[in-house]
Amino acid sequence: MRQRSHNSDLPLVPEDVSAGGFKVLVTSEPHLNKEIEFSIQISDKVFDNCAATIVWAHENGDGTWYTGINIDSLTEDRNFLDMTLNKANEIMK
């Protein structure tokens, strides 16, 4: 994942990814309900200009937070993202 604003000193590596959203580990306290723009890369496919909202945050006590991201809009069809994720998951098994 490539985010346009910097909320973390760490590379943003999505976890629990679905076509509806994902979580990431960040090093700056996230602001709930903040809208963000980002790109998602899965293998050689890039979904640019995605819009999302930060919907939850969990402080880990070590200067990091897990943050829940809800994908609001994509430049591609959400079903295509879901199919691409499923294909990537099958390859990784």
PDB file of N, CA and C in Angstrom:
ATOM      1  N   MET A   1       0.843  -1.171   0.000  1.00  0.00           N
ATOM      2  CA  MET A   1       0.000   0.000   0.000  1.00  0.00           C
ATOM      3  C   MET A   1       0.881   1.225   0.000  1.00  0.00           C
ATOM      4  N   ARG A   2       0.532   2.197  -0.796  1.00  0.00           N
ATOM      5  CA  ARG A   2       1.248   3.462  -0.822  1.00  0.00           C
ATOM      6  C   ARG A   2       0.269   4.555  -0.461  1.00  0.00           C
ATOM      7  N   GLN A   3       0.514   5.204   0.671  1.00  0.00           N
ATOM      8  CA  GLN A   3      -0.374   6.281   1.111  1.00  0.00           C
ATOM      9  C   GLN A   3       0.247   7.603   0.736  1.00  0.00           C
ATOM     10  N   ARG A   4      -0.579   8.576   0.388  1.00  0.00           N
ATOM     11  CA  ARG A   4      -0.067   9.863  -0.056  1.00  0.00           C
ATOM     12  C   ARG A   4       0.373  10.758   1.095  1.00  0.00           C
ATOM     13  N   SER A   5      -0.250  10.654   2.258  1.00  0.00           N
ATOM     14  CA  SER A   5       0.206  11.415   3.406  1.00  0.00           C
ATOM     15  C   SER A   5       0.968  10.460   4.316  1.00  0.00           C
ATOM     16  N   HIS A   6       1.855  10.974   5.120  1.00  0.00           N
ATOM     17  CA  HIS A   6       2.723  10.109   5.919  1.00  0.00           C
ATOM     18  C   HIS A   6       2.191   9.999   7.341  1.00  0.00           C
ATOM     19  N   ASN A   7       1.658   8.823   7.693  1.00  0.00           N
ATOM     20  CA  ASN A   7       1.180   8.553   9.043  1.00  0.00           C
ATOM     21  C   ASN A   7       2.092   7.585   9.761  1.00  0.00           C
ATOM     22  N   SER A   8       3.198   7.207   9.132  1.00  0.00           N
ATOM     23  CA  SER A   8       4.029   6.190   9.735  1.00  0.00           C
ATOM     24  C   SER A   8       5.451   6.277   9.232  1.00  0.00           C
ATOM     25  N   ASP A   9       6.384   5.944  10.121  1.00  0.00           N
ATOM     26  CA  ASP A   9       7.779   5.806   9.723  1.00  0.00           C
ATOM     27  C   ASP A   9       8.035   4.410   9.171  1.00  0.00           C
ATOM     28  N   LEU A  10       7.079   3.516   9.340  1.00  0.00           N
ATOM     29  CA  LEU A  10       7.193   2.148   8.863  1.00  0.00           C
ATOM     30  C   LEU A  10       6.584   2.026   7.474  1.00  0.00           C
ATOM     31  N   PRO A  11       7.060   1.070   6.673  1.00  0.00           N
ATOM     32  CA  PRO A  11       6.332   0.790   5.429  1.00  0.00           C
ATOM     33  C   PRO A  11       4.927   0.316   5.789  1.00  0.00           C
ATOM     34  N   LEU A  12       3.924   0.755   5.054  1.00  0.00           N
ATOM     35  CA  LEU A  12       2.549   0.362   5.343  1.00  0.00           C
ATOM     36  C   LEU A  12       2.269  -0.983   4.682  1.00  0.00           C
ATOM     37  N   VAL A  13       2.110  -1.989   5.516  1.00  0.00           N
ATOM     38  CA  VAL A  13       1.850  -3.346   5.043  1.00  0.00           C
ATOM     39  C   VAL A  13       0.459  -3.739   5.528  1.00  0.00           C
ATOM     40  N   PRO A  14      -0.509  -3.806   4.622  1.00  0.00           N
ATOM     41  CA  PRO A  14      -1.877  -4.136   5.030  1.00  0.00           C
ATOM     42  C   PRO A  14      -1.993  -5.560   5.567  1.00  0.00           C
ATOM     43  N   GLU A  15      -2.857  -5.728   6.549  1.00  0.00           N
ATOM     44  CA  GLU A  15      -3.189  -7.038   7.107  1.00  0.00           C
ATOM     45  C   GLU A  15      -4.708  -7.187   7.046  1.00  0.00           C
ATOM     46  N   ASP A  16      -5.181  -8.426   7.134  1.00  0.00           N
ATOM     47  CA  ASP A  16      -6.630  -8.697   7.114  1.00  0.00           C
ATOM     48  C   ASP A  16      -7.306  -7.950   5.963  1.00  0.00           C
ATOM     49  N   VAL A  17      -6.752  -8.101   4.787  1.00  0.00           N
ATOM     50  CA  VAL A  17      -7.209  -7.352   3.612  1.00  0.00           C
ATOM     51  C   VAL A  17      -8.444  -7.993   3.008  1.00  0.00           C
ATOM     52  N   SER A  18      -9.419  -7.155   2.675  1.00  0.00           N
ATOM     53  CA  SER A  18     -10.587  -7.569   1.905  1.00  0.00           C
ATOM     54  C   SER A  18     -10.930  -6.425   0.967  1.00  0.00           C
ATOM     55  N   ALA A  19     -11.909  -6.634   0.110  1.00  0.00           N
ATOM     56  CA  ALA A  19     -12.321  -5.563  -0.796  1.00  0.00           C
ATOM     57  C   ALA A  19     -12.969  -4.406  -0.045  1.00  0.00           C
ATOM     58  N   GLY A  20     -13.358  -4.624   1.223  1.00  0.00           N
ATOM     59  CA  GLY A  20     -13.985  -3.578   2.014  1.00  0.00           C
ATOM     60  C   GLY A  20     -13.025  -2.776   2.860  1.00  0.00           C
ATOM     61  N   GLY A  21     -11.831  -3.337   3.125  1.00  0.00           N
ATOM     62  CA  GLY A  21     -10.886  -2.608   3.951  1.00  0.00           C
ATOM     63  C   GLY A  21      -9.742  -3.476   4.430  1.00  0.00           C
ATOM     64  N   PHE A  22      -8.971  -2.944   5.386  1.00  0.00           N
ATOM     65  CA  PHE A  22      -7.787  -3.628   5.890  1.00  0.00           C
ATOM     66  C   PHE A  22      -7.310  -2.921   7.150  1.00  0.00           C
ATOM     67  N   LYS A  23      -6.291  -3.483   7.791  1.00  0.00           N
ATOM     68  CA  LYS A  23      -5.660  -2.788   8.909  1.00  0.00           C
ATOM     69  C   LYS A  23      -4.181  -2.620   8.608  1.00  0.00           C
ATOM     70  N   VAL A  24      -3.598  -1.573   9.172  1.00  0.00           N
ATOM     71  CA  VAL A  24      -2.167  -1.313   9.023  1.00  0.00           C
ATOM     72  C   VAL A  24      -1.593  -0.901  10.365  1.00  0.00           C
ATOM     73  N   LEU A  25      -0.288  -1.089  10.513  1.00  0.00           N
ATOM     74  CA  LEU A  25       0.451  -0.657  11.689  1.00  0.00           C
ATOM     75  C   LEU A  25       1.095   0.681  11.361  1.00  0.00           C
ATOM     76  N   VAL A  26       0.846   1.708  12.205  1.00  0.00           N
ATOM     77  CA  VAL A  26       1.399   3.043  11.982  1.00  0.00           C
ATOM     78  C   VAL A  26       2.117   3.533  13.233  1.00  0.00           C
ATOM     79  N   THR A  27       2.983   4.542  13.051  1.00  0.00           N
ATOM     80  CA  THR A  27       3.750   5.073  14.172  1.00  0.00           C
ATOM     81  C   THR A  27       3.281   6.452  14.617  1.00  0.00           C
ATOM     82  N   SER A  28       2.270   7.004  13.975  1.00  0.00           N
ATOM     83  CA  SER A  28       1.666   8.270  14.395  1.00  0.00           C
ATOM     84  C   SER A  28       0.213   7.998  14.767  1.00  0.00           C
ATOM     85  N   GLU A  29      -0.249   8.651  15.814  1.00  0.00           N
ATOM     86  CA  GLU A  29      -1.624   8.419  16.246  1.00  0.00           C
ATOM     87  C   GLU A  29      -2.602   8.762  15.122  1.00  0.00           C
ATOM     88  N   PRO A  30      -3.438   7.808  14.725  1.00  0.00           N
ATOM     89  CA  PRO A  30      -4.388   8.064  13.648  1.00  0.00           C
ATOM     90  C   PRO A  30      -5.576   8.895  14.120  1.00  0.00           C
ATOM     91  N   HIS A  31      -6.155   9.626  13.193  1.00  0.00           N
ATOM     92  CA  HIS A  31      -7.320  10.455  13.481  1.00  0.00           C
ATOM     93  C   HIS A  31      -8.555   9.760  12.924  1.00  0.00           C
ATOM     94  N   LEU A  32      -9.443   9.338  13.819  1.00  0.00           N
ATOM     95  CA  LEU A  32     -10.652   8.649  13.389  1.00  0.00           C
ATOM     96  C   LEU A  32     -11.479   9.510  12.444  1.00  0.00           C
ATOM     97  N   ASN A  33     -12.110   8.868  11.490  1.00  0.00           N
ATOM     98  CA  ASN A  33     -12.963   9.489  10.475  1.00  0.00           C
ATOM     99  C   ASN A  33     -12.197  10.350   9.483  1.00  0.00           C
ATOM    100  N   LYS A  34     -10.866  10.305   9.531  1.00  0.00           N
ATOM    101  CA  LYS A  34     -10.058  11.044   8.564  1.00  0.00           C
ATOM    102  C   LYS A  34     -10.108  10.325   7.214  1.00  0.00           C
ATOM    103  N   GLU A  35     -10.298  11.091   6.157  1.00  0.00           N
ATOM    104  CA  GLU A  35     -10.293  10.535   4.817  1.00  0.00           C
ATOM    105  C   GLU A  35      -8.870  10.569   4.274  1.00  0.00           C
ATOM    106  N   ILE A  36      -8.475   9.485   3.612  1.00  0.00           N
ATOM    107  CA  ILE A  36      -7.131   9.376   3.062  1.00  0.00           C
ATOM    108  C   ILE A  36      -7.218   8.900   1.612  1.00  0.00           C
ATOM    109  N   GLU A  37      -6.170   9.198   0.851  1.00  0.00           N
ATOM    110  CA  GLU A  37      -6.028   8.673  -0.501  1.00  0.00           C
ATOM    111  C   GLU A  37      -4.799   7.783  -0.531  1.00  0.00           C
ATOM    112  N   PHE A  38      -4.873   6.696  -1.305  1.00  0.00           N
ATOM    113  CA  PHE A  38      -3.761   5.755  -1.358  1.00  0.00           C
ATOM    114  C   PHE A  38      -3.866   4.922  -2.617  1.00  0.00           C
ATOM    115  N   SER A  39      -2.836   4.120  -2.857  1.00  0.00           N
ATOM    116  CA  SER A  39      -2.819   3.144  -3.936  1.00  0.00           C
ATOM    117  C   SER A  39      -2.569   1.778  -3.333  1.00  0.00           C
ATOM    118  N   ILE A  40      -3.141   0.762  -3.949  1.00  0.00           N
ATOM    119  CA  ILE A  40      -2.924  -0.616  -3.538  1.00  0.00           C
ATOM    120  C   ILE A  40      -2.233  -1.333  -4.687  1.00  0.00           C
ATOM    121  N   GLN A  41      -1.130  -2.034  -4.392  1.00  0.00           N
ATOM    122  CA  GLN A  41      -0.475  -2.840  -5.407  1.00  0.00           C
ATOM    123  C   GLN A  41      -0.560  -4.298  -5.007  1.00  0.00           C
ATOM    124  N   ILE A  42      -1.087  -5.123  -5.909  1.00  0.00           N
ATOM    125  CA  ILE A  42      -1.175  -6.564  -5.718  1.00  0.00           C
ATOM    126  C   ILE A  42      -0.504  -7.192  -6.921  1.00  0.00           C
ATOM    127  N   SER A  43       0.656  -7.797  -6.680  1.00  0.00           N
ATOM    128  CA  SER A  43       1.480  -8.320  -7.773  1.00  0.00           C
ATOM    129  C   SER A  43       1.763  -7.178  -8.745  1.00  0.00           C
ATOM    130  N   ASP A  44       1.388  -7.319 -10.005  1.00  0.00           N
ATOM    131  CA  ASP A  44       1.678  -6.271 -10.978  1.00  0.00           C
ATOM    132  C   ASP A  44       0.488  -5.342 -11.220  1.00  0.00           C
ATOM    133  N   LYS A  45      -0.609  -5.537 -10.510  1.00  0.00           N
ATOM    134  CA  LYS A  45      -1.802  -4.702 -10.663  1.00  0.00           C
ATOM    135  C   LYS A  45      -1.809  -3.600  -9.606  1.00  0.00           C
ATOM    136  N   VAL A  46      -1.977  -2.352 -10.049  1.00  0.00           N
ATOM    137  CA  VAL A  46      -2.023  -1.214  -9.138  1.00  0.00           C
ATOM    138  C   VAL A  46      -3.398  -0.562  -9.219  1.00  0.00           C
ATOM    139  N   PHE A  47      -4.018  -0.360  -8.064  1.00  0.00           N
ATOM    140  CA  PHE A  47      -5.284   0.351  -7.942  1.00  0.00           C
ATOM    141  C   PHE A  47      -4.947   1.742  -7.399  1.00  0.00           C
ATOM    142  N   ASP A  48      -4.896   2.741  -8.281  1.00  0.00           N
ATOM    143  CA  ASP A  48      -4.540   4.106  -7.892  1.00  0.00           C
ATOM    144  C   ASP A  48      -5.765   4.905  -7.466  1.00  0.00           C
ATOM    145  N   ASN A  49      -5.501   6.011  -6.774  1.00  0.00           N
ATOM    146  CA  ASN A  49      -6.535   6.990  -6.409  1.00  0.00           C
ATOM    147  C   ASN A  49      -7.694   6.376  -5.638  1.00  0.00           C
ATOM    148  N   CYS A  50      -7.380   5.512  -4.697  1.00  0.00           N
ATOM    149  CA  CYS A  50      -8.402   4.938  -3.826  1.00  0.00           C
ATOM    150  C   CYS A  50      -8.682   5.923  -2.687  1.00  0.00           C
ATOM    151  N   ALA A  51      -9.922   5.964  -2.253  1.00  0.00           N
ATOM    152  CA  ALA A  51     -10.309   6.815  -1.125  1.00  0.00           C
ATOM    153  C   ALA A  51     -10.774   5.928   0.013  1.00  0.00           C
ATOM    154  N   ALA A  52     -10.416   6.298   1.234  1.00  0.00           N
ATOM    155  CA  ALA A  52     -10.770   5.491   2.393  1.00  0.00           C
ATOM    156  C   ALA A  52     -10.935   6.381   3.617  1.00  0.00           C
ATOM    157  N   THR A  53     -11.472   5.765   4.674  1.00  0.00           N
ATOM    158  CA  THR A  53     -11.667   6.457   5.946  1.00  0.00           C
ATOM    159  C   THR A  53     -11.067   5.612   7.057  1.00  0.00           C
ATOM    160  N   ILE A  54     -10.387   6.270   7.991  1.00  0.00           N
ATOM    161  CA  ILE A  54      -9.871   5.591   9.174  1.00  0.00           C
ATOM    162  C   ILE A  54     -11.060   5.371  10.112  1.00  0.00           C
ATOM    163  N   VAL A  55     -11.376   4.113  10.401  1.00  0.00           N
ATOM    164  CA  VAL A  55     -12.593   3.824  11.167  1.00  0.00           C
ATOM    165  C   VAL A  55     -12.330   3.334  12.590  1.00  0.00           C
ATOM    166  N   TRP A  56     -11.141   2.832  12.876  1.00  0.00           N
ATOM    167  CA  TRP A  56     -10.824   2.454  14.246  1.00  0.00           C
ATOM    168  C   TRP A  56      -9.320   2.486  14.452  1.00  0.00           C
ATOM    169  N   ALA A  57      -8.908   2.560  15.713  1.00  0.00           N
ATOM    170  CA  ALA A  57      -7.486   2.559  16.058  1.00  0.00           C
ATOM    171  C   ALA A  57      -7.306   1.853  17.396  1.00  0.00           C
ATOM    172  N   HIS A  58      -6.205   1.127  17.507  1.00  0.00           N
ATOM    173  CA  HIS A  58      -5.866   0.434  18.746  1.00  0.00           C
ATOM    174  C   HIS A  58      -4.415   0.763  19.087  1.00  0.00           C
ATOM    175  N   GLU A  59      -4.207   1.444  20.221  1.00  0.00           N
ATOM    176  CA  GLU A  59      -2.853   1.777  20.653  1.00  0.00           C
ATOM    177  C   GLU A  59      -2.202   0.531  21.222  1.00  0.00           C
ATOM    178  N   ASN A  60      -0.992   0.241  20.756  1.00  0.00           N
ATOM    179  CA  ASN A  60      -0.277  -0.958  21.191  1.00  0.00           C
ATOM    180  C   ASN A  60       0.587  -0.744  22.421  1.00  0.00           C
ATOM    181  N   GLY A  61       0.767   0.518  22.857  1.00  0.00           N
ATOM    182  CA  GLY A  61       1.550   0.793  24.051  1.00  0.00           C
ATOM    183  C   GLY A  61       3.040   0.912  23.795  1.00  0.00           C
ATOM    184  N   ASP A  62       3.456   0.806  22.544  1.00  0.00           N
ATOM    185  CA  ASP A  62       4.881   0.900  22.211  1.00  0.00           C
ATOM    186  C   ASP A  62       5.148   1.989  21.175  1.00  0.00           C
ATOM    187  N   GLY A  63       4.232   2.961  21.075  1.00  0.00           N
ATOM    188  CA  GLY A  63       4.371   4.026  20.093  1.00  0.00           C
ATOM    189  C   GLY A  63       3.830   3.674  18.722  1.00  0.00           C
ATOM    190  N   THR A  64       3.102   2.562  18.651  1.00  0.00           N
ATOM    191  CA  THR A  64       2.466   2.176  17.386  1.00  0.00           C
ATOM    192  C   THR A  64       0.975   1.965  17.602  1.00  0.00           C
ATOM    193  N   TRP A  65       0.223   2.033  16.521  1.00  0.00           N
ATOM    194  CA  TRP A  65      -1.213   1.817  16.538  1.00  0.00           C
ATOM    195  C   TRP A  65      -1.586   0.904  15.381  1.00  0.00           C
ATOM    196  N   TYR A  66      -2.500  -0.021  15.630  1.00  0.00           N
ATOM    197  CA  TYR A  66      -3.166  -0.699  14.527  1.00  0.00           C
ATOM    198  C   TYR A  66      -4.332   0.177  14.139  1.00  0.00           C
ATOM    199  N   THR A  67      -4.524   0.356  12.847  1.00  0.00           N
ATOM    200  CA  THR A  67      -5.552   1.254  12.340  1.00  0.00           C
ATOM    201  C   THR A  67      -6.420   0.518  11.334  1.00  0.00           C
ATOM    202  N   GLY A  68      -7.739   0.612  11.500  1.00  0.00           N
ATOM    203  CA  GLY A  68      -8.683   0.018  10.561  1.00  0.00           C
ATOM    204  C   GLY A  68      -9.059   1.015   9.485  1.00  0.00           C
ATOM    205  N   ILE A  69      -8.930   0.576   8.239  1.00  0.00           N
ATOM    206  CA  ILE A  69      -9.199   1.429   7.082  1.00  0.00           C
ATOM    207  C   ILE A  69     -10.382   0.865   6.311  1.00  0.00           C
ATOM    208  N   ASN A  70     -11.390   1.674   6.076  1.00  0.00           N
ATOM    209  CA  ASN A  70     -12.540   1.281   5.255  1.00  0.00           C
ATOM    210  C   ASN A  70     -12.366   1.885   3.866  1.00  0.00           C
ATOM    211  N   ILE A  71     -12.360   1.043   2.825  1.00  0.00           N
ATOM    212  CA  ILE A  71     -12.219   1.547   1.463  1.00  0.00           C
ATOM    213  C   ILE A  71     -13.558   2.123   1.022  1.00  0.00           C
ATOM    214  N   ASP A  72     -13.567   3.428   0.733  1.00  0.00           N
ATOM    215  CA  ASP A  72     -14.793   4.114   0.327  1.00  0.00           C
ATOM    216  C   ASP A  72     -15.007   4.055  -1.177  1.00  0.00           C
ATOM    217  N   SER A  73     -13.949   4.253  -1.941  1.00  0.00           N
ATOM    218  CA  SER A  73     -14.089   4.213  -3.396  1.00  0.00           C
ATOM    219  C   SER A  73     -12.783   3.783  -4.050  1.00  0.00           C
ATOM    220  N   LEU A  74     -12.938   3.180  -5.208  1.00  0.00           N
ATOM    221  CA  LEU A  74     -11.817   2.695  -6.009  1.00  0.00           C
ATOM    222  C   LEU A  74     -11.965   3.244  -7.418  1.00  0.00           C
ATOM    223  N   THR A  75     -10.836   3.351  -8.120  1.00  0.00           N
ATOM    224  CA  THR A  75     -10.925   3.721  -9.529  1.00  0.00           C
ATOM    225  C   THR A  75     -11.320   2.509 -10.357  1.00  0.00           C
ATOM    226  N   GLU A  76     -11.151   1.316  -9.794  1.00  0.00           N
ATOM    227  CA  GLU A  76     -11.535   0.064 -10.452  1.00  0.00           C
ATOM    228  C   GLU A  76     -12.780  -0.487  -9.760  1.00  0.00           C
ATOM    229  N   ASP A  77     -13.378  -1.462 -10.349  1.00  0.00           N
ATOM    230  CA  ASP A  77     -14.525  -2.153  -9.781  1.00  0.00           C
ATOM    231  C   ASP A  77     -14.107  -2.898  -8.502  1.00  0.00           C
ATOM    232  N   ARG A  78     -14.889  -2.762  -7.431  1.00  0.00           N
ATOM    233  CA  ARG A  78     -14.588  -3.435  -6.165  1.00  0.00           C
ATOM    234  C   ARG A  78     -14.572  -4.958  -6.339  1.00  0.00           C
ATOM    235  N   ASN A  79     -15.432  -5.482  -7.213  1.00  0.00           N
ATOM    236  CA  ASN A  79     -15.428  -6.924  -7.472  1.00  0.00           C
ATOM    237  C   ASN A  79     -14.116  -7.368  -8.101  1.00  0.00           C
ATOM    238  N   PHE A  80     -13.537  -6.514  -8.965  1.00  0.00           N
ATOM    239  CA  PHE A  80     -12.248  -6.836  -9.578  1.00  0.00           C
ATOM    240  C   PHE A  80     -11.152  -6.859  -8.517  1.00  0.00           C
ATOM    241  N   LEU A  81     -11.195  -5.917  -7.566  1.00  0.00           N
ATOM    242  CA  LEU A  81     -10.239  -5.933  -6.458  1.00  0.00           C
ATOM    243  C   LEU A  81     -10.386  -7.219  -5.663  1.00  0.00           C
ATOM    244  N   ASP A  82     -11.614  -7.615  -5.359  1.00  0.00           N
ATOM    245  CA  ASP A  82     -11.861  -8.834  -4.601  1.00  0.00           C
ATOM    246  C   ASP A  82     -11.311 -10.051  -5.337  1.00  0.00           C
ATOM    247  N   MET A  83     -11.539 -10.123  -6.649  1.00  0.00           N
ATOM    248  CA  MET A  83     -11.024 -11.251  -7.440  1.00  0.00           C
ATOM    249  C   MET A  83      -9.498 -11.245  -7.457  1.00  0.00           C
ATOM    250  N   THR A  84      -8.895 -10.069  -7.568  1.00  0.00           N
ATOM    251  CA  THR A  84      -7.436  -9.956  -7.573  1.00  0.00           C
ATOM    252  C   THR A  84      -6.857 -10.400  -6.228  1.00  0.00           C
ATOM    253  N   LEU A  85      -7.509  -9.992  -5.120  1.00  0.00           N
ATOM    254  CA  LEU A  85      -7.072 -10.421  -3.789  1.00  0.00           C
ATOM    255  C   LEU A  85      -7.177 -11.935  -3.631  1.00  0.00           C
ATOM    256  N   ASN A  86      -8.295 -12.503  -4.082  1.00  0.00           N
ATOM    257  CA  ASN A  86      -8.484 -13.950  -3.978  1.00  0.00           C
ATOM    258  C   ASN A  86      -7.431 -14.700  -4.775  1.00  0.00           C
ATOM    259  N   LYS A  87      -7.123 -14.215  -5.963  1.00  0.00           N
ATOM    260  CA  LYS A  87      -6.097 -14.848  -6.794  1.00  0.00           C
ATOM    261  C   LYS A  87      -4.733 -14.781  -6.119  1.00  0.00           C
ATOM    262  N   ALA A  88      -4.413 -13.623  -5.544  1.00  0.00           N
ATOM    263  CA  ALA A  88      -3.137 -13.461  -4.842  1.00  0.00           C
ATOM    264  C   ALA A  88      -3.062 -14.390  -3.631  1.00  0.00           C
ATOM    265  N   ASN A  89      -4.164 -14.521  -2.900  1.00  0.00           N
ATOM    266  CA  ASN A  89      -4.187 -15.412  -1.740  1.00  0.00           C
ATOM    267  C   ASN A  89      -3.983 -16.861  -2.151  1.00  0.00           C
ATOM    268  N   GLU A  90      -4.570 -17.270  -3.284  1.00  0.00           N
ATOM    269  CA  GLU A  90      -4.396 -18.645  -3.766  1.00  0.00           C
ATOM    270  C   GLU A  90      -2.940 -18.912  -4.133  1.00  0.00           C
ATOM    271  N   ILE A  91      -2.297 -17.935  -4.762  1.00  0.00           N
ATOM    272  CA  ILE A  91      -0.894 -18.087  -5.155  1.00  0.00           C
ATOM    273  C   ILE A  91      -0.010 -18.216  -3.918  1.00  0.00           C
ATOM    274  N   MET A  92      -0.352 -17.501  -2.835  1.00  0.00           N
ATOM    275  CA  MET A  92       0.480 -17.479  -1.632  1.00  0.00           C
ATOM    276  C   MET A  92       0.310 -18.720  -0.778  1.00  0.00           C
ATOM    277  N   LYS A  93      -0.704 -19.549  -1.045  1.00  0.00           N
ATOM    278  CA  LYS A  93      -0.932 -20.745  -0.237  1.00  0.00           C
ATOM    279  C   LYS A  93       0.058 -21.829  -0.558  1.00  0.00           C
TER     280      LYS A  93
END
